[in-house]
Amino acid sequence: MNNKHIFYIALAIFLMAFSGCEPDIDEKISLPAAPTEATFTVADLGDNTYLFTNTTEGGFLFQWDLGNGATETGEEVMVTYNDAGAYIVTLTAFNAGGHAVGSKSVIVDEDLVIMTGPCEAGTLMEYLSNCDSKTWKLNPADGALLVAPADFSQIWWQSGQGEVDERFCAWDDTWTFTGDGKMIYDTKGDIWGEDYLGFDFACSPTEDMPDAVKAWGDGTHDYAASDATQQLELIGVGAFMGIPKAANGSEVGFPVAGVTYEVSDMSQNAEGKDLLTIQVFYTTGNGEAAVWQFTYVEE
């Protein structure tokens, strides 16, 4: 028997032995079926405010399109519609097997009437608007933009002169408050762009904002100022001060229906101009309580 025959016999024995051993096979993971339909309930809370509650079983992520340009996440969301009309509310519910979509129509009969009350001397509303018209800009001083733990035990980041220079397009923005409860936001044609706005980190033309975030651009919104709680509520999709993503409870990547700020300080600078400091509290991705703080100076 020559070497060639010996090689083939050895190879055959090896293959027979190998085929007789069954490799370990991981057990297949059984995924649940995707939901067949996303379902939810609608509760009319009055004053053009509605509560939407998911009823889809087995989901772990719920995305809402509220039909007014705003989106939200969570099993339960609440929205106030400022204008009369028909709004198509769409829920997308996800589970491990896939997702499903469901929609309902909400009919709003009348425009929302914002009851601001008369502007009176010594009130927060007077401080914001002079009971006529008053315009504010970000204060060109260190800390005009600031983020920290909710207890201010440290400062995670704050703006300095470098940001004032680099982000000139943010420091030239104006917020004008009127005595009849309106807030007019003017970008002066450009904004500070970031990734969640669809831009690189640079000053960018307002007109180039993607449709999904255009509500954060120039606009007129309602506001309400409470002396009892020392809160400033901006009302309307895309209404904000400071930076767009800072919302109540979380940082967002899309315009929401409004933001309520805590007014933490009203004072004057060395030049005798009014200063306004406001705060919005939220929870970070790792569950830590945090705060964004913004300081403005009257123009």
C-alpha atoms as a PDB file:
ATOM      1  CA  MET A   1       0.000   0.000   0.000  1.00  0.00           C
ATOM      2  CA  ASN A   2       1.553   3.282  -1.065  1.00  0.00           C
ATOM      3  CA  ASN A   3       1.498   6.564   0.777  1.00  0.00           C
ATOM      4  CA  LYS A   4      -1.335   7.919  -1.375  1.00  0.00           C
ATOM      5  CA  HIS A   5      -3.673   5.080  -0.369  1.00  0.00           C
ATOM      6  CA  ILE A   6      -2.733   5.465   3.290  1.00  0.00           C
ATOM      7  CA  PHE A   7      -3.599   9.212   3.102  1.00  0.00           C
ATOM      8  CA  TYR A   8      -7.070   8.585   1.634  1.00  0.00           C
ATOM      9  CA  ILE A   9      -7.868   5.844   4.187  1.00  0.00           C
ATOM     10  CA  ALA A  10      -6.841   8.157   7.038  1.00  0.00           C
ATOM     11  CA  LEU A  11      -8.947  10.969   5.580  1.00  0.00           C
ATOM     12  CA  ALA A  12     -11.999   8.699   5.315  1.00  0.00           C
ATOM     13  CA  ILE A  13     -11.637   7.572   8.931  1.00  0.00           C
ATOM     14  CA  PHE A  14     -11.332  11.194  10.064  1.00  0.00           C
ATOM     15  CA  LEU A  15     -14.464  12.258   8.177  1.00  0.00           C
ATOM     16  CA  MET A  16     -16.461   9.325   9.537  1.00  0.00           C
ATOM     17  CA  ALA A  17     -15.398  10.152  13.072  1.00  0.00           C
ATOM     18  CA  PHE A  18     -16.173  13.844  12.608  1.00  0.00           C
ATOM     19  CA  SER A  19     -19.617  13.154  11.136  1.00  0.00           C
ATOM     20  CA  GLY A  20     -20.460  11.011  14.123  1.00  0.00           C
ATOM     21  CA  CYS A  21     -20.026  13.978  16.490  1.00  0.00           C
ATOM     22  CA  GLU A  22     -22.955  16.339  16.605  1.00  0.00           C
ATOM     23  CA  PRO A  23     -21.914  19.906  17.355  1.00  0.00           C
ATOM     24  CA  ASP A  24     -23.706  21.794  20.079  1.00  0.00           C
ATOM     25  CA  ILE A  25     -26.593  23.784  18.655  1.00  0.00           C
ATOM     26  CA  ASP A  26     -27.757  26.839  20.502  1.00  0.00           C
ATOM     27  CA  GLU A  27     -31.400  26.789  21.312  1.00  0.00           C
ATOM     28  CA  LYS A  28     -33.361  29.094  19.061  1.00  0.00           C
ATOM     29  CA  ILE A  29     -34.708  32.235  20.671  1.00  0.00           C
ATOM     30  CA  SER A  30     -38.431  32.513  20.155  1.00  0.00           C
ATOM     31  CA  LEU A  31     -39.434  36.121  19.492  1.00  0.00           C
ATOM     32  CA  PRO A  32     -42.973  37.295  20.104  1.00  0.00           C
ATOM     33  CA  ALA A  33     -45.091  38.179  17.124  1.00  0.00           C
ATOM     34  CA  ALA A  34     -45.242  41.828  16.198  1.00  0.00           C
ATOM     35  CA  PRO A  35     -48.402  43.548  17.445  1.00  0.00           C
ATOM     36  CA  THR A  36     -51.134  43.472  14.827  1.00  0.00           C
ATOM     37  CA  GLU A  37     -52.319  46.974  15.633  1.00  0.00           C
ATOM     38  CA  ALA A  38     -51.291  49.840  17.883  1.00  0.00           C
ATOM     39  CA  THR A  39     -54.240  50.898  20.033  1.00  0.00           C
ATOM     40  CA  PHE A  40     -54.787  53.746  22.476  1.00  0.00           C
ATOM     41  CA  THR A  41     -57.482  55.661  24.300  1.00  0.00           C
ATOM     42  CA  VAL A  42     -58.262  59.371  24.061  1.00  0.00           C
ATOM     43  CA  ALA A  43     -59.432  61.375  27.089  1.00  0.00           C
ATOM     44  CA  ASP A  44     -60.691  64.937  26.628  1.00  0.00           C
ATOM     45  CA  LEU A  45     -59.459  66.897  29.678  1.00  0.00           C
ATOM     46  CA  GLY A  46     -61.017  70.192  28.601  1.00  0.00           C
ATOM     47  CA  ASP A  47     -59.389  73.442  27.468  1.00  0.00           C
ATOM     48  CA  ASN A  48     -58.233  71.762  24.235  1.00  0.00           C
ATOM     49  CA  THR A  49     -56.115  69.327  26.260  1.00  0.00           C
ATOM     50  CA  TYR A  50     -56.137  65.575  25.562  1.00  0.00           C
ATOM     51  CA  LEU A  51     -54.545  62.559  27.240  1.00  0.00           C
ATOM     52  CA  PHE A  52     -53.501  59.658  25.007  1.00  0.00           C
ATOM     53  CA  THR A  53     -52.849  56.297  26.699  1.00  0.00           C
ATOM     54  CA  ASN A  54     -51.389  53.224  25.004  1.00  0.00           C
ATOM     55  CA  THR A  55     -53.437  50.003  25.225  1.00  0.00           C
ATOM     56  CA  THR A  56     -51.235  47.872  22.941  1.00  0.00           C
ATOM     57  CA  GLU A  57     -50.151  44.753  24.835  1.00  0.00           C
ATOM     58  CA  GLY A  58     -46.540  43.645  25.132  1.00  0.00           C
ATOM     59  CA  GLY A  59     -44.853  46.789  23.860  1.00  0.00           C
ATOM     60  CA  PHE A  60     -41.718  48.409  25.260  1.00  0.00           C
ATOM     61  CA  LEU A  61     -41.422  51.581  23.136  1.00  0.00           C
ATOM     62  CA  PHE A  62     -44.195  53.953  22.110  1.00  0.00           C
ATOM     63  CA  GLN A  63     -43.772  56.834  19.670  1.00  0.00           C
ATOM     64  CA  TRP A  64     -46.516  59.405  19.087  1.00  0.00           C
ATOM     65  CA  ASP A  65     -47.122  61.796  16.226  1.00  0.00           C
ATOM     66  CA  LEU A  66     -49.604  64.273  17.712  1.00  0.00           C
ATOM     67  CA  GLY A  67     -50.734  65.686  14.376  1.00  0.00           C
ATOM     68  CA  ASN A  68     -49.654  69.245  15.167  1.00  0.00           C
ATOM     69  CA  GLY A  69     -45.973  68.973  14.270  1.00  0.00           C
ATOM     70  CA  ALA A  70     -44.964  67.626  17.680  1.00  0.00           C
ATOM     71  CA  THR A  71     -43.883  64.102  18.623  1.00  0.00           C
ATOM     72  CA  GLU A  72     -43.586  62.416  22.008  1.00  0.00           C
ATOM     73  CA  THR A  73     -42.555  59.076  23.500  1.00  0.00           C
ATOM     74  CA  GLY A  74     -44.003  57.109  26.390  1.00  0.00           C
ATOM     75  CA  GLU A  75     -47.050  55.017  27.235  1.00  0.00           C
ATOM     76  CA  GLU A  76     -49.049  58.115  28.111  1.00  0.00           C
ATOM     77  CA  VAL A  77     -48.790  61.633  26.680  1.00  0.00           C
ATOM     78  CA  MET A  78     -50.763  64.834  27.109  1.00  0.00           C
ATOM     79  CA  VAL A  79     -51.101  67.608  24.546  1.00  0.00           C
ATOM     80  CA  THR A  80     -52.897  70.943  24.290  1.00  0.00           C
ATOM     81  CA  TYR A  81     -53.991  72.091  20.828  1.00  0.00           C
ATOM     82  CA  ASN A  82     -53.974  75.858  20.408  1.00  0.00           C
ATOM     83  CA  ASP A  83     -55.997  75.945  17.194  1.00  0.00           C
ATOM     84  CA  ALA A  84     -59.306  74.456  16.108  1.00  0.00           C
ATOM     85  CA  GLY A  85     -59.109  71.675  13.526  1.00  0.00           C
ATOM     86  CA  ALA A  86     -58.815  67.950  12.894  1.00  0.00           C
ATOM     87  CA  TYR A  87     -55.629  66.317  14.164  1.00  0.00           C
ATOM     88  CA  ILE A  88     -54.574  62.803  13.168  1.00  0.00           C
ATOM     89  CA  VAL A  89     -52.808  61.224  16.147  1.00  0.00           C
ATOM     90  CA  THR A  90     -50.619  58.232  15.282  1.00  0.00           C
ATOM     91  CA  LEU A  91     -49.080  55.745  17.696  1.00  0.00           C
ATOM     92  CA  THR A  92     -46.254  53.407  16.694  1.00  0.00           C
ATOM     93  CA  ALA A  93     -45.840  50.596  19.245  1.00  0.00           C
ATOM     94  CA  PHE A  94     -42.726  48.399  19.259  1.00  0.00           C
ATOM     95  CA  ASN A  95     -42.051  45.001  20.802  1.00  0.00           C
ATOM     96  CA  ALA A  96     -39.227  42.482  20.308  1.00  0.00           C
ATOM     97  CA  GLY A  97     -40.958  41.058  17.240  1.00  0.00           C
ATOM     98  CA  GLY A  98     -41.589  44.288  15.349  1.00  0.00           C
ATOM     99  CA  HIS A  99     -44.004  47.187  15.437  1.00  0.00           C
ATOM    100  CA  ALA A 100     -47.517  48.247  14.558  1.00  0.00           C
ATOM    101  CA  VAL A 101     -49.181  51.562  13.809  1.00  0.00           C
ATOM    102  CA  GLY A 102     -52.582  52.919  14.779  1.00  0.00           C
ATOM    103  CA  SER A 103     -54.237  56.317  14.269  1.00  0.00           C
ATOM    104  CA  LYS A 104     -57.234  58.268  15.516  1.00  0.00           C
ATOM    105  CA  SER A 105     -58.690  61.630  14.612  1.00  0.00           C
ATOM    106  CA  VAL A 106     -59.163  64.300  17.276  1.00  0.00           C
ATOM    107  CA  ILE A 107     -61.553  67.147  16.458  1.00  0.00           C
ATOM    108  CA  VAL A 108     -60.853  70.429  18.247  1.00  0.00           C
ATOM    109  CA  ASP A 109     -63.862  72.740  17.949  1.00  0.00           C
ATOM    110  CA  GLU A 110     -62.447  76.109  19.014  1.00  0.00           C
ATOM    111  CA  ASP A 111     -59.164  77.975  19.243  1.00  0.00           C
ATOM    112  CA  LEU A 112     -57.634  77.950  22.692  1.00  0.00           C
ATOM    113  CA  VAL A 113     -58.117  81.196  24.586  1.00  0.00           C
ATOM    114  CA  ILE A 114     -55.040  81.923  26.682  1.00  0.00           C
ATOM    115  CA  MET A 115     -56.153  83.734  29.836  1.00  0.00           C
ATOM    116  CA  THR A 116     -53.177  85.858  30.791  1.00  0.00           C
ATOM    117  CA  GLY A 117     -54.973  88.454  32.902  1.00  0.00           C
ATOM    118  CA  PRO A 118     -54.144  92.138  32.860  1.00  0.00           C
ATOM    119  CA  CYS A 119     -50.504  93.137  33.070  1.00  0.00           C
ATOM    120  CA  GLU A 120     -49.981  94.909  36.387  1.00  0.00           C
ATOM    121  CA  ALA A 121     -47.100  96.730  38.028  1.00  0.00           C
ATOM    122  CA  GLY A 122     -44.802  94.614  40.137  1.00  0.00           C
ATOM    123  CA  THR A 123     -45.702  91.321  38.431  1.00  0.00           C
ATOM    124  CA  LEU A 124     -43.550  88.835  36.568  1.00  0.00           C
ATOM    125  CA  MET A 125     -45.482  89.694  33.427  1.00  0.00           C
ATOM    126  CA  GLU A 126     -44.489  93.354  33.792  1.00  0.00           C
ATOM    127  CA  TYR A 127     -40.846  92.361  34.299  1.00  0.00           C
ATOM    128  CA  LEU A 128     -40.933  90.301  31.101  1.00  0.00           C
ATOM    129  CA  SER A 129     -42.862  92.753  28.916  1.00  0.00           C
ATOM    130  CA  ASN A 130     -43.001  96.210  30.556  1.00  0.00           C
ATOM    131  CA  CYS A 131     -46.761  95.642  30.018  1.00  0.00           C
ATOM    132  CA  ASP A 132     -46.065  96.743  26.448  1.00  0.00           C
ATOM    133  CA  SER A 133     -43.042  95.192  24.758  1.00  0.00           C
ATOM    134  CA  LYS A 134     -39.621  94.116  26.003  1.00  0.00           C
ATOM    135  CA  THR A 135     -36.878  92.246  24.173  1.00  0.00           C
ATOM    136  CA  TRP A 136     -34.354  89.850  25.702  1.00  0.00           C
ATOM    137  CA  LYS A 137     -31.096  88.303  24.477  1.00  0.00           C
ATOM    138  CA  LEU A 138     -28.727  85.752  25.968  1.00  0.00           C
ATOM    139  CA  ASN A 139     -26.452  87.548  28.400  1.00  0.00           C
ATOM    140  CA  PRO A 140     -22.924  87.841  26.881  1.00  0.00           C
ATOM    141  CA  ALA A 141     -21.289  86.790  30.150  1.00  0.00           C
ATOM    142  CA  ASP A 142     -19.916  83.514  31.506  1.00  0.00           C
ATOM    143  CA  GLY A 143     -22.615  81.018  32.433  1.00  0.00           C
ATOM    144  CA  ALA A 144     -25.451  82.333  30.259  1.00  0.00           C
ATOM    145  CA  LEU A 145     -25.884  78.698  29.225  1.00  0.00           C
ATOM    146  CA  LEU A 146     -25.250  76.257  32.063  1.00  0.00           C
ATOM    147  CA  VAL A 147     -26.007  72.613  32.783  1.00  0.00           C
ATOM    148  CA  ALA A 148     -25.561  70.952  36.175  1.00  0.00           C
ATOM    149  CA  PRO A 149     -26.964  68.366  38.578  1.00  0.00           C
ATOM    150  CA  ALA A 150     -30.315  69.492  39.943  1.00  0.00           C
ATOM    151  CA  ASP A 151     -28.694  70.300  43.303  1.00  0.00           C
ATOM    152  CA  PHE A 152     -25.946  72.403  41.659  1.00  0.00           C
ATOM    153  CA  SER A 153     -23.323  70.357  43.506  1.00  0.00           C
ATOM    154  CA  GLN A 154     -21.062  70.963  40.515  1.00  0.00           C
ATOM    155  CA  ILE A 155     -21.209  72.497  37.031  1.00  0.00           C
ATOM    156  CA  TRP A 156     -21.015  70.059  34.144  1.00  0.00           C
ATOM    157  CA  TRP A 157     -20.641  72.755  31.484  1.00  0.00           C
ATOM    158  CA  GLN A 158     -21.208  76.456  31.052  1.00  0.00           C
ATOM    159  CA  SER A 159     -20.718  78.910  28.235  1.00  0.00           C
ATOM    160  CA  GLY A 160     -17.855  81.394  28.260  1.00  0.00           C
ATOM    161  CA  GLN A 161     -16.503  84.071  25.955  1.00  0.00           C
ATOM    162  CA  GLY A 162     -15.462  81.389  23.472  1.00  0.00           C
ATOM    163  CA  GLU A 163     -19.088  80.331  23.024  1.00  0.00           C
ATOM    164  CA  VAL A 164     -20.252  83.951  22.752  1.00  0.00           C
ATOM    165  CA  ASP A 165     -17.809  84.436  19.883  1.00  0.00           C
ATOM    166  CA  GLU A 166     -18.267  81.082  18.147  1.00  0.00           C
ATOM    167  CA  ARG A 167     -22.033  80.934  18.616  1.00  0.00           C
ATOM    168  CA  PHE A 168     -22.699  84.566  17.677  1.00  0.00           C
ATOM    169  CA  CYS A 169     -25.810  83.349  15.870  1.00  0.00           C
ATOM    170  CA  ALA A 170     -27.305  82.298  19.226  1.00  0.00           C
ATOM    171  CA  TRP A 171     -26.376  85.476  21.082  1.00  0.00           C
ATOM    172  CA  ASP A 172     -28.038  87.689  18.448  1.00  0.00           C
ATOM    173  CA  ASP A 173     -31.403  85.865  18.770  1.00  0.00           C
ATOM    174  CA  THR A 174     -34.177  87.879  20.427  1.00  0.00           C
ATOM    175  CA  TRP A 175     -37.219  86.939  22.501  1.00  0.00           C
ATOM    176  CA  THR A 176     -39.770  89.751  22.671  1.00  0.00           C
ATOM    177  CA  PHE A 177     -42.561  89.565  25.257  1.00  0.00           C
ATOM    178  CA  THR A 178     -45.686  91.687  24.847  1.00  0.00           C
ATOM    179  CA  GLY A 179     -48.197  92.874  27.414  1.00  0.00           C
ATOM    180  CA  ASP A 180     -50.980  90.850  25.780  1.00  0.00           C
ATOM    181  CA  GLY A 181     -49.305  87.465  26.321  1.00  0.00           C
ATOM    182  CA  LYS A 182     -47.317  86.945  23.129  1.00  0.00           C
ATOM    183  CA  MET A 183     -43.679  85.896  22.780  1.00  0.00           C
ATOM    184  CA  ILE A 184     -41.953  86.549  19.449  1.00  0.00           C
ATOM    185  CA  TYR A 185     -38.772  84.623  18.714  1.00  0.00           C
ATOM    186  CA  ASP A 186     -36.451  86.026  16.010  1.00  0.00           C
ATOM    187  CA  THR A 187     -33.367  84.066  14.911  1.00  0.00           C
ATOM    188  CA  LYS A 188     -32.048  86.954  12.782  1.00  0.00           C
ATOM    189  CA  GLY A 189     -31.711  84.476   9.934  1.00  0.00           C
ATOM    190  CA  ASP A 190     -29.349  81.962  11.505  1.00  0.00           C
ATOM    191  CA  ILE A 191     -29.182  79.497  14.363  1.00  0.00           C
ATOM    192  CA  TRP A 192     -26.539  77.553  16.246  1.00  0.00           C
ATOM    193  CA  GLY A 193     -26.793  74.165  14.544  1.00  0.00           C
ATOM    194  CA  GLU A 194     -26.206  70.854  16.293  1.00  0.00           C
ATOM    195  CA  ASP A 195     -26.648  67.229  15.222  1.00  0.00           C
ATOM    196  CA  TYR A 196     -30.175  66.870  16.615  1.00  0.00           C
ATOM    197  CA  LEU A 197     -31.163  69.887  14.503  1.00  0.00           C
ATOM    198  CA  GLY A 198     -29.721  68.302  11.375  1.00  0.00           C
ATOM    199  CA  PHE A 199     -26.522  70.382  11.230  1.00  0.00           C
ATOM    200  CA  ASP A 200     -22.872  70.254  12.112  1.00  0.00           C
ATOM    201  CA  PHE A 201     -21.865  72.276  15.162  1.00  0.00           C
ATOM    202  CA  ALA A 202     -21.823  75.686  13.481  1.00  0.00           C
ATOM    203  CA  CYS A 203     -23.950  78.736  12.757  1.00  0.00           C
ATOM    204  CA  SER A 204     -26.424  77.725  10.051  1.00  0.00           C
ATOM    205  CA  PRO A 205     -29.171  79.479   8.038  1.00  0.00           C
ATOM    206  CA  THR A 206     -32.583  79.210   9.666  1.00  0.00           C
ATOM    207  CA  GLU A 207     -34.156  78.528   6.265  1.00  0.00           C
ATOM    208  CA  ASP A 208     -32.118  75.303   5.999  1.00  0.00           C
ATOM    209  CA  MET A 209     -33.659  73.759   9.115  1.00  0.00           C
ATOM    210  CA  PRO A 210     -35.174  70.314   8.341  1.00  0.00           C
ATOM    211  CA  ASP A 211     -38.980  70.205   8.315  1.00  0.00           C
ATOM    212  CA  ALA A 212     -39.044  68.045  11.451  1.00  0.00           C
ATOM    213  CA  VAL A 213     -37.497  70.834  13.545  1.00  0.00           C
ATOM    214  CA  LYS A 214     -38.665  73.988  11.740  1.00  0.00           C
ATOM    215  CA  ALA A 215     -41.026  74.788  14.624  1.00  0.00           C
ATOM    216  CA  TRP A 216     -37.897  75.709  16.600  1.00  0.00           C
ATOM    217  CA  GLY A 217     -37.270  78.563  14.179  1.00  0.00           C
ATOM    218  CA  ASP A 218     -38.801  82.046  14.013  1.00  0.00           C
ATOM    219  CA  GLY A 219     -42.285  82.214  15.448  1.00  0.00           C
ATOM    220  CA  THR A 220     -44.883  83.829  17.665  1.00  0.00           C
ATOM    221  CA  HIS A 221     -46.155  81.895  20.669  1.00  0.00           C
ATOM    222  CA  ASP A 222     -48.268  82.500  23.750  1.00  0.00           C
ATOM    223  CA  TYR A 223     -46.903  82.710  27.251  1.00  0.00           C
ATOM    224  CA  ALA A 224     -48.211  82.767  30.794  1.00  0.00           C
ATOM    225  CA  ALA A 225     -46.353  84.198  33.797  1.00  0.00           C
ATOM    226  CA  SER A 226     -47.293  83.068  37.299  1.00  0.00           C
ATOM    227  CA  ASP A 227     -46.346  85.168  40.316  1.00  0.00           C
ATOM    228  CA  ALA A 228     -47.628  82.466  42.675  1.00  0.00           C
ATOM    229  CA  THR A 229     -45.227  79.823  41.365  1.00  0.00           C
ATOM    230  CA  GLN A 230     -42.598  82.094  39.766  1.00  0.00           C
ATOM    231  CA  GLN A 231     -42.923  80.150  36.550  1.00  0.00           C
ATOM    232  CA  LEU A 232     -42.829  81.189  32.899  1.00  0.00           C
ATOM    233  CA  GLU A 233     -44.819  78.921  30.591  1.00  0.00           C
ATOM    234  CA  LEU A 234     -44.182  79.129  26.856  1.00  0.00           C
ATOM    235  CA  ILE A 235     -47.140  77.737  24.927  1.00  0.00           C
ATOM    236  CA  GLY A 236     -47.049  76.364  21.379  1.00  0.00           C
ATOM    237  CA  VAL A 237     -45.152  73.739  19.392  1.00  0.00           C
ATOM    238  CA  GLY A 238     -41.497  74.777  19.226  1.00  0.00           C
ATOM    239  CA  ALA A 239     -41.703  77.527  21.861  1.00  0.00           C
ATOM    240  CA  PHE A 240     -38.472  77.613  23.870  1.00  0.00           C
ATOM    241  CA  MET A 241     -35.785  79.772  25.434  1.00  0.00           C
ATOM    242  CA  GLY A 242     -32.144  78.834  25.914  1.00  0.00           C
ATOM    243  CA  ILE A 243     -31.522  75.792  23.757  1.00  0.00           C
ATOM    244  CA  PRO A 244     -34.263  73.878  21.910  1.00  0.00           C
ATOM    245  CA  LYS A 245     -33.584  70.406  23.319  1.00  0.00           C
ATOM    246  CA  ALA A 246     -34.026  71.443  26.972  1.00  0.00           C
ATOM    247  CA  ALA A 247     -37.604  70.429  27.825  1.00  0.00           C
ATOM    248  CA  ASN A 248     -39.473  69.487  30.979  1.00  0.00           C
ATOM    249  CA  GLY A 249     -38.372  66.046  32.122  1.00  0.00           C
ATOM    250  CA  SER A 250     -35.944  65.207  29.322  1.00  0.00           C
ATOM    251  CA  GLU A 251     -33.744  66.449  26.524  1.00  0.00           C
ATOM    252  CA  VAL A 252     -35.627  66.051  23.252  1.00  0.00           C
ATOM    253  CA  GLY A 253     -34.756  65.894  19.565  1.00  0.00           C
ATOM    254  CA  PHE A 254     -38.046  67.277  18.300  1.00  0.00           C
ATOM    255  CA  PRO A 255     -40.280  70.278  19.049  1.00  0.00           C
ATOM    256  CA  VAL A 256     -42.737  69.765  21.906  1.00  0.00           C
ATOM    257  CA  ALA A 257     -45.962  71.581  22.688  1.00  0.00           C
ATOM    258  CA  GLY A 258     -44.416  73.993  25.189  1.00  0.00           C
ATOM    259  CA  VAL A 259     -41.976  74.356  28.070  1.00  0.00           C
ATOM    260  CA  THR A 260     -42.406  75.666  31.617  1.00  0.00           C
ATOM    261  CA  TYR A 261     -39.400  77.387  33.195  1.00  0.00           C
ATOM    262  CA  GLU A 262     -38.685  78.215  36.814  1.00  0.00           C
ATOM    263  CA  VAL A 263     -37.747  81.876  37.199  1.00  0.00           C
ATOM    264  CA  SER A 264     -34.782  81.768  39.600  1.00  0.00           C
ATOM    265  CA  ASP A 265     -33.499  85.351  39.464  1.00  0.00           C
ATOM    266  CA  MET A 266     -34.535  88.853  38.379  1.00  0.00           C
ATOM    267  CA  SER A 267     -31.811  91.411  38.937  1.00  0.00           C
ATOM    268  CA  GLN A 268     -29.705  94.019  37.147  1.00  0.00           C
ATOM    269  CA  ASN A 269     -26.212  94.086  35.719  1.00  0.00           C
ATOM    270  CA  ALA A 270     -23.589  96.759  36.322  1.00  0.00           C
ATOM    271  CA  GLU A 271     -25.063  98.840  33.514  1.00  0.00           C
ATOM    272  CA  GLY A 272     -28.489  98.854  35.131  1.00  0.00           C
ATOM    273  CA  LYS A 273     -30.071  96.515  32.583  1.00  0.00           C
ATOM    274  CA  ASP A 274     -32.539  93.875  33.725  1.00  0.00           C
ATOM    275  CA  LEU A 275     -31.353  90.259  33.930  1.00  0.00           C
ATOM    276  CA  LEU A 276     -33.597  87.188  33.820  1.00  0.00           C
ATOM    277  CA  THR A 277     -32.454  83.695  34.857  1.00  0.00           C
ATOM    278  CA  ILE A 278     -34.676  80.705  34.133  1.00  0.00           C
ATOM    279  CA  GLN A 279     -34.269  76.975  34.714  1.00  0.00           C
ATOM    280  CA  VAL A 280     -35.732  73.769  33.309  1.00  0.00           C
ATOM    281  CA  PHE A 281     -35.297  70.461  35.148  1.00  0.00           C
ATOM    282  CA  TYR A 282     -34.938  67.078  33.460  1.00  0.00           C
ATOM    283  CA  THR A 283     -33.627  63.535  33.931  1.00  0.00           C
ATOM    284  CA  THR A 284     -30.469  62.385  32.165  1.00  0.00           C
ATOM    285  CA  GLY A 285     -30.159  59.105  30.292  1.00  0.00           C
ATOM    286  CA  ASN A 286     -28.642  57.460  33.358  1.00  0.00           C
ATOM    287  CA  GLY A 287     -31.467  58.636  35.601  1.00  0.00           C
ATOM    288  CA  GLU A 288     -29.744  61.603  37.240  1.00  0.00           C
ATOM    289  CA  ALA A 289     -31.748  64.723  38.082  1.00  0.00           C
ATOM    290  CA  ALA A 290     -30.328  67.694  36.179  1.00  0.00           C
ATOM    291  CA  VAL A 291     -31.031  71.306  35.265  1.00  0.00           C
ATOM    292  CA  TRP A 292     -30.403  73.617  32.334  1.00  0.00           C
ATOM    293  CA  GLN A 293     -30.103  77.275  33.320  1.00  0.00           C
ATOM    294  CA  PHE A 294     -30.285  80.290  30.980  1.00  0.00           C
ATOM    295  CA  THR A 295     -29.573  83.956  31.717  1.00  0.00           C
ATOM    296  CA  TYR A 296     -30.909  86.815  29.587  1.00  0.00           C
ATOM    297  CA  VAL A 297     -30.360  90.548  29.481  1.00  0.00           C
ATOM    298  CA  GLU A 298     -32.823  93.125  28.219  1.00  0.00           C
ATOM    299  CA  GLU A 299     -31.871  94.571  24.850  1.00  0.00           C
END
